[in-house]
Amino acid sequence: MPQSLRSFLAQQLGRFWDKIGIRVELRRKRSSPLPVDRRFNYQKRSIDFRVQTGARVLDIGSGGDPFPAATVLVERYLQPVFRTETLVTNNKPLVVADIHHLPFAEKSFDFVYSAHVLEVVDDPILASSEIMRVGKRGYIETPILGKDVLFAWAKNLQKWHVVGIGPNLCFFEYSDRQLEGIKSDVWRQLIFDKWHHPLQDIFSENQDVFNVMFQWKDRFSVFVFYLDGSIKTLNSSADIGSPALDIPLVSK
C-alpha cells in the first residue's frame, strides 16, 4: 500500500475515533532492552571514569550489574534482599561485606564505584567515610527524589534521598509521605513495558537528571539532614550552626 494512502486512511480513522470519543493507539514492541537495564550504558554518556588499565577497582553493591572495570566486587547479601536480580560476578572476586565496615586497607583501591547503594544505608556518615578510607577516588550514584516519587518504589527500602552539590553529598531523611510517592505503579509499568512508548525514550535519554552522578577525588563532604531537624557532617569546615555535628574522617 502506498505511503500516501496509508497516511490518508490513518487520518480518516483518527477523525472517526475522535468523533466517538475513543482513541486507538498503535505501539510497536521494543526491539531491545531499555538502556537503563544496564547502568553503564547511560553512565558512559555523561561520565568519563578515567580508569586506567591495571587499576584496582572496587564495586560496592555490584548486584546483578557489576561495573565493567571492577576488579573486586562487594555484596552484603548473596541472596536478593534489596535487589531483585540474580547476583552476577563475571568471574571477578566477590567479598561479602557491609559498606559500613569494609575489610580493606586504607587507600587500597585506585577507584571505588558504588551505584544505588547509599540511599539504603543506615549511616551515611560511616558508609561515606569507609568509601573514602579504602579508595583514592570514585563514583557514587543514587536516584533523585523525583525518580523515587514517580516510580513509588522507595517504601520499606530506601532511607534517604540525595543531592550532590560540588564536592558535597547531601542526604535527606525520607518522610513516610515521600516514601509513598505517587501511590501507583502506573509510571513504572509504562517505563518498563515491552511495548514502546515515547516516555521510555525520554526517561532513558535523561538519566543524568534522574540520578545523582557524583565523582570525587581524595575526599568529599557529607551532610546528613534528619527529620527531627538535626544535622551531621563529615569533612566539612562550614559553620552550619547548632545542632550540627562535625565528624572527622575515620582512619583504621
Protein backbone atom coordinates (compact mmCIF):
# COMPACT_ATOMS: atom_id res chain seq x y z
CA MET A 1 0.00 0.00 0.00
CA PRO A 2 1.44 3.41 -0.95
CA GLN A 3 2.57 5.63 1.94
CA SER A 4 0.17 8.38 0.87
CA LEU A 5 -2.78 6.00 1.07
CA ARG A 6 -1.73 4.69 4.47
CA SER A 7 -1.46 8.25 5.79
CA PHE A 8 -4.88 9.15 4.38
CA LEU A 9 -6.53 6.08 5.95
CA ALA A 10 -4.84 6.73 9.30
CA GLN A 11 -6.07 10.33 9.22
CA GLN A 12 -9.64 9.30 8.44
CA LEU A 13 -9.57 6.63 11.14
CA GLY A 14 -8.29 9.17 13.63
CA ARG A 15 -11.16 11.52 12.83
CA PHE A 16 -13.63 8.68 13.29
CA TRP A 17 -12.33 7.78 16.75
CA ASP A 18 -12.26 11.48 17.73
CA LYS A 19 -15.96 11.75 16.90
CA ILE A 20 -16.97 8.83 19.10
CA GLY A 21 -14.61 9.83 21.89
CA ILE A 22 -12.29 6.81 21.72
CA ARG A 23 -8.60 6.71 20.88
CA VAL A 24 -6.86 3.66 19.49
CA GLU A 25 -3.09 3.75 19.81
CA LEU A 26 -0.77 1.50 17.85
CA ARG A 27 2.50 0.69 19.62
CA ARG A 28 5.39 -1.42 18.43
CA LYS A 29 7.14 -3.93 20.60
CA ARG A 30 10.53 -2.79 21.87
CA SER A 31 13.27 -4.44 19.85
CA SER A 32 15.89 -4.20 22.61
CA PRO A 33 16.12 -3.65 26.37
CA LEU A 34 15.99 -0.12 27.71
CA PRO A 35 19.45 1.45 28.14
CA VAL A 36 18.68 1.77 31.86
CA ASP A 37 18.63 -2.02 32.11
CA ARG A 38 22.42 -1.77 32.27
CA ARG A 39 23.71 1.28 34.16
CA PHE A 40 26.99 1.63 32.30
CA ASN A 41 25.03 2.11 29.06
CA TYR A 42 23.81 5.52 30.23
CA GLN A 43 26.64 6.39 32.63
CA LYS A 44 29.27 6.40 29.90
CA ARG A 45 27.30 9.10 28.06
CA SER A 46 27.80 11.52 30.95
CA ILE A 47 30.81 10.28 32.90
CA ASP A 48 34.45 9.83 31.94
CA PHE A 49 35.56 7.36 34.59
CA ARG A 50 39.23 7.57 33.51
CA VAL A 51 40.03 4.14 34.92
CA GLN A 52 43.49 3.12 33.79
CA THR A 53 44.42 -0.38 32.69
CA GLY A 54 45.73 -2.32 35.68
CA ALA A 55 43.95 -0.15 38.25
CA ARG A 56 42.42 -1.78 41.33
CA VAL A 57 38.70 -1.03 41.14
CA LEU A 58 36.13 -1.85 43.83
CA ASP A 59 32.40 -2.11 43.09
CA ILE A 60 30.35 -1.87 46.29
CA GLY A 61 26.89 -3.35 45.87
CA SER A 62 27.53 -4.82 42.43
CA GLY A 63 24.38 -6.99 42.45
CA GLY A 64 23.33 -8.19 39.03
CA ASP A 65 25.09 -5.41 37.10
CA PRO A 66 28.80 -5.13 38.02
CA PHE A 67 30.86 -2.14 36.90
CA PRO A 68 32.78 -3.34 33.79
CA ALA A 69 36.15 -2.09 35.09
CA ALA A 70 35.75 -3.63 38.56
CA THR A 71 38.46 -5.97 39.79
CA VAL A 72 36.83 -6.75 43.17
CA LEU A 73 33.12 -6.90 43.99
CA VAL A 74 31.43 -6.38 47.36
CA GLU A 75 27.96 -7.55 48.30
CA ARG A 76 26.36 -7.67 51.72
CA TYR A 77 23.99 -10.48 50.80
CA LEU A 78 24.45 -13.40 48.43
CA GLN A 79 20.70 -13.81 48.12
CA PRO A 80 18.39 -10.99 46.89
CA VAL A 81 17.40 -8.67 49.73
CA PHE A 82 17.50 -5.09 48.47
CA ARG A 83 17.98 -6.18 44.87
CA THR A 84 15.59 -8.26 42.78
CA GLU A 85 18.05 -9.56 40.19
CA THR A 86 20.31 -12.59 40.43
CA LEU A 87 23.84 -11.95 41.65
CA VAL A 88 26.36 -11.65 38.79
CA THR A 89 30.14 -11.76 39.31
CA ASN A 90 31.54 -12.07 35.77
CA ASN A 91 34.26 -14.26 37.32
CA LYS A 92 35.51 -11.37 39.48
CA PRO A 93 36.48 -11.92 43.16
CA LEU A 94 33.45 -11.38 45.39
CA VAL A 95 33.78 -10.28 49.02
CA VAL A 96 30.78 -10.49 51.36
CA ALA A 97 30.93 -7.35 53.49
CA ASP A 98 28.95 -4.42 54.89
CA ILE A 99 29.66 -0.99 53.38
CA HIS A 100 29.84 0.39 56.94
CA HIS A 101 32.83 -1.88 57.70
CA LEU A 102 34.85 -2.68 54.58
CA PRO A 103 37.60 -5.30 55.09
CA PHE A 104 40.24 -3.49 53.03
CA ALA A 105 43.34 -1.47 53.83
CA GLU A 106 43.42 2.30 53.63
CA LYS A 107 43.63 3.63 50.04
CA SER A 108 43.97 0.09 48.68
CA PHE A 109 41.83 0.84 45.61
CA ASP A 110 42.51 3.31 42.82
CA PHE A 111 38.80 3.72 42.15
CA VAL A 112 35.65 2.91 44.16
CA TYR A 113 32.33 2.61 42.35
CA SER A 114 29.01 2.44 44.19
CA ALA A 115 25.71 2.80 42.35
CA HIS A 116 22.29 2.74 44.03
CA VAL A 117 23.53 1.70 47.45
CA LEU A 118 23.89 4.79 49.64
CA GLU A 119 20.18 5.57 49.56
CA VAL A 120 19.51 2.44 51.65
CA VAL A 121 22.37 2.57 54.19
CA ASP A 122 21.74 3.01 57.91
CA ASP A 123 24.54 5.52 58.45
CA PRO A 124 25.59 7.74 55.50
CA ILE A 125 28.45 9.24 57.53
CA LEU A 126 30.05 5.88 58.31
CA ALA A 127 29.40 4.44 54.84
CA SER A 128 30.90 7.50 53.13
CA SER A 129 33.93 7.52 55.42
CA GLU A 130 34.60 3.86 54.56
CA ILE A 131 34.37 4.58 50.83
CA MET A 132 36.93 7.37 51.21
CA ARG A 133 39.13 5.32 53.52
CA VAL A 134 39.66 2.47 51.05
CA GLY A 135 39.63 4.48 47.81
CA LYS A 136 41.67 7.22 46.17
CA ARG A 137 38.79 8.46 44.03
CA GLY A 138 35.46 7.18 42.83
CA TYR A 139 31.91 7.49 41.64
CA ILE A 140 28.64 7.41 43.59
CA GLU A 141 25.19 7.23 42.06
CA THR A 142 21.78 7.40 43.71
CA PRO A 143 18.26 8.13 42.44
CA ILE A 144 16.88 11.62 42.97
CA LEU A 145 13.73 12.31 44.96
CA GLY A 146 11.64 12.88 41.82
CA LYS A 147 12.56 9.50 40.38
CA ASP A 148 11.63 7.70 43.59
CA VAL A 149 8.33 9.59 43.76
CA LEU A 150 7.37 8.70 40.18
CA PHE A 151 8.27 5.02 40.50
CA ALA A 152 6.84 4.76 44.03
CA TRP A 153 9.33 2.05 44.94
CA ALA A 154 11.19 3.57 47.90
CA LYS A 155 8.84 2.49 50.70
CA ASN A 156 10.27 -0.20 53.00
CA LEU A 157 13.56 0.02 51.11
CA GLN A 158 15.20 3.44 50.98
CA LYS A 159 16.05 5.77 53.84
CA TRP A 160 17.50 8.81 52.05
CA HIS A 161 17.15 11.00 49.00
CA VAL A 162 20.41 12.53 47.95
CA VAL A 163 21.67 15.72 46.32
CA GLY A 164 25.20 16.28 45.01
CA ILE A 165 26.44 19.88 45.03
CA GLY A 166 30.07 20.42 44.03
CA PRO A 167 32.21 18.34 46.43
CA ASN A 168 29.27 17.90 48.82
CA LEU A 169 26.96 14.92 49.09
CA CYS A 170 23.77 15.78 50.98
CA PHE A 171 21.47 13.13 52.46
CA PHE A 172 17.89 13.94 53.45
CA GLU A 173 15.92 11.53 55.60
CA TYR A 174 12.75 10.39 53.85
CA SER A 175 9.36 11.13 55.38
CA ASP A 176 6.66 8.46 55.24
CA ARG A 177 4.69 10.51 52.72
CA GLN A 178 7.67 10.93 50.41
CA LEU A 179 8.31 7.19 50.54
CA GLU A 180 4.79 6.56 49.25
CA GLY A 181 5.46 8.59 46.13
CA ILE A 182 2.53 8.79 43.71
CA LYS A 183 0.94 5.72 45.34
CA SER A 184 0.67 3.96 41.99
CA ASP A 185 2.79 1.72 39.77
CA VAL A 186 1.42 3.25 36.55
CA TRP A 187 4.68 5.11 35.74
CA ARG A 188 6.78 2.05 36.48
CA GLN A 189 4.63 -0.14 34.24
CA LEU A 190 4.77 2.34 31.38
CA ILE A 191 8.55 2.79 31.51
CA PHE A 192 9.35 -0.92 31.67
CA ASP A 193 6.56 -2.10 29.39
CA LYS A 194 7.67 -4.30 26.49
CA TRP A 195 5.62 -2.08 24.18
CA HIS A 196 7.33 1.10 23.06
CA HIS A 197 6.19 4.47 24.38
CA PRO A 198 7.92 7.86 23.75
CA LEU A 199 8.27 8.40 27.50
CA GLN A 200 10.59 5.40 27.63
CA ASP A 201 12.99 7.22 25.32
CA ILE A 202 12.71 10.43 27.33
CA PHE A 203 13.46 8.59 30.55
CA SER A 204 16.38 6.66 29.06
CA GLU A 205 17.98 9.74 27.49
CA ASN A 206 17.82 11.85 30.66
CA GLN A 207 19.34 9.59 33.28
CA ASP A 208 21.74 12.36 34.26
CA VAL A 209 18.81 14.27 35.77
CA PHE A 210 17.02 11.25 37.20
CA ASN A 211 20.13 10.23 39.15
CA VAL A 212 22.80 11.87 41.26
CA MET A 213 26.08 11.24 39.41
CA PHE A 214 28.79 12.19 41.88
CA GLN A 215 32.52 11.97 41.21
CA TRP A 216 35.08 12.51 43.95
CA LYS A 217 38.85 12.52 44.45
CA ASP A 218 40.70 12.12 47.78
CA ARG A 219 37.64 13.02 49.88
CA PHE A 220 34.25 14.69 49.81
CA SER A 221 31.99 16.40 52.32
CA VAL A 222 28.84 14.78 53.64
CA PHE A 223 25.79 16.50 55.12
CA VAL A 224 23.01 14.41 56.67
CA PHE A 225 19.68 16.11 57.40
CA TYR A 226 17.30 14.28 59.73
CA LEU A 227 13.54 14.72 60.06
CA ASP A 228 13.94 15.92 63.64
CA GLY A 229 15.95 18.91 62.36
CA SER A 230 19.37 17.67 63.43
CA ILE A 231 22.32 17.71 61.05
CA LYS A 232 25.53 15.69 60.94
CA THR A 233 28.50 16.44 58.73
CA LEU A 234 31.72 14.78 57.63
CA ASN A 235 34.80 16.59 56.29
CA SER A 236 33.12 19.99 56.45
CA SER A 237 34.55 23.23 57.77
CA ALA A 238 31.29 25.10 57.13
CA ASP A 239 29.66 26.61 60.19
CA ILE A 240 26.04 25.49 59.86
CA GLY A 241 25.17 26.09 63.50
CA SER A 242 23.53 24.00 66.17
CA PRO A 243 22.72 21.14 66.24
CA ALA A 244 25.39 20.39 63.61
CA LEU A 245 27.97 17.76 64.42
CA ASP A 246 31.32 17.54 62.61
CA ILE A 247 32.79 14.05 62.46
CA PRO A 248 36.40 13.64 61.26
CA LEU A 249 37.35 11.21 58.52
CA VAL A 250 37.71 7.78 60.08
CA SER A 251 41.07 6.05 59.67
CA LYS A 252 41.83 2.48 60.54
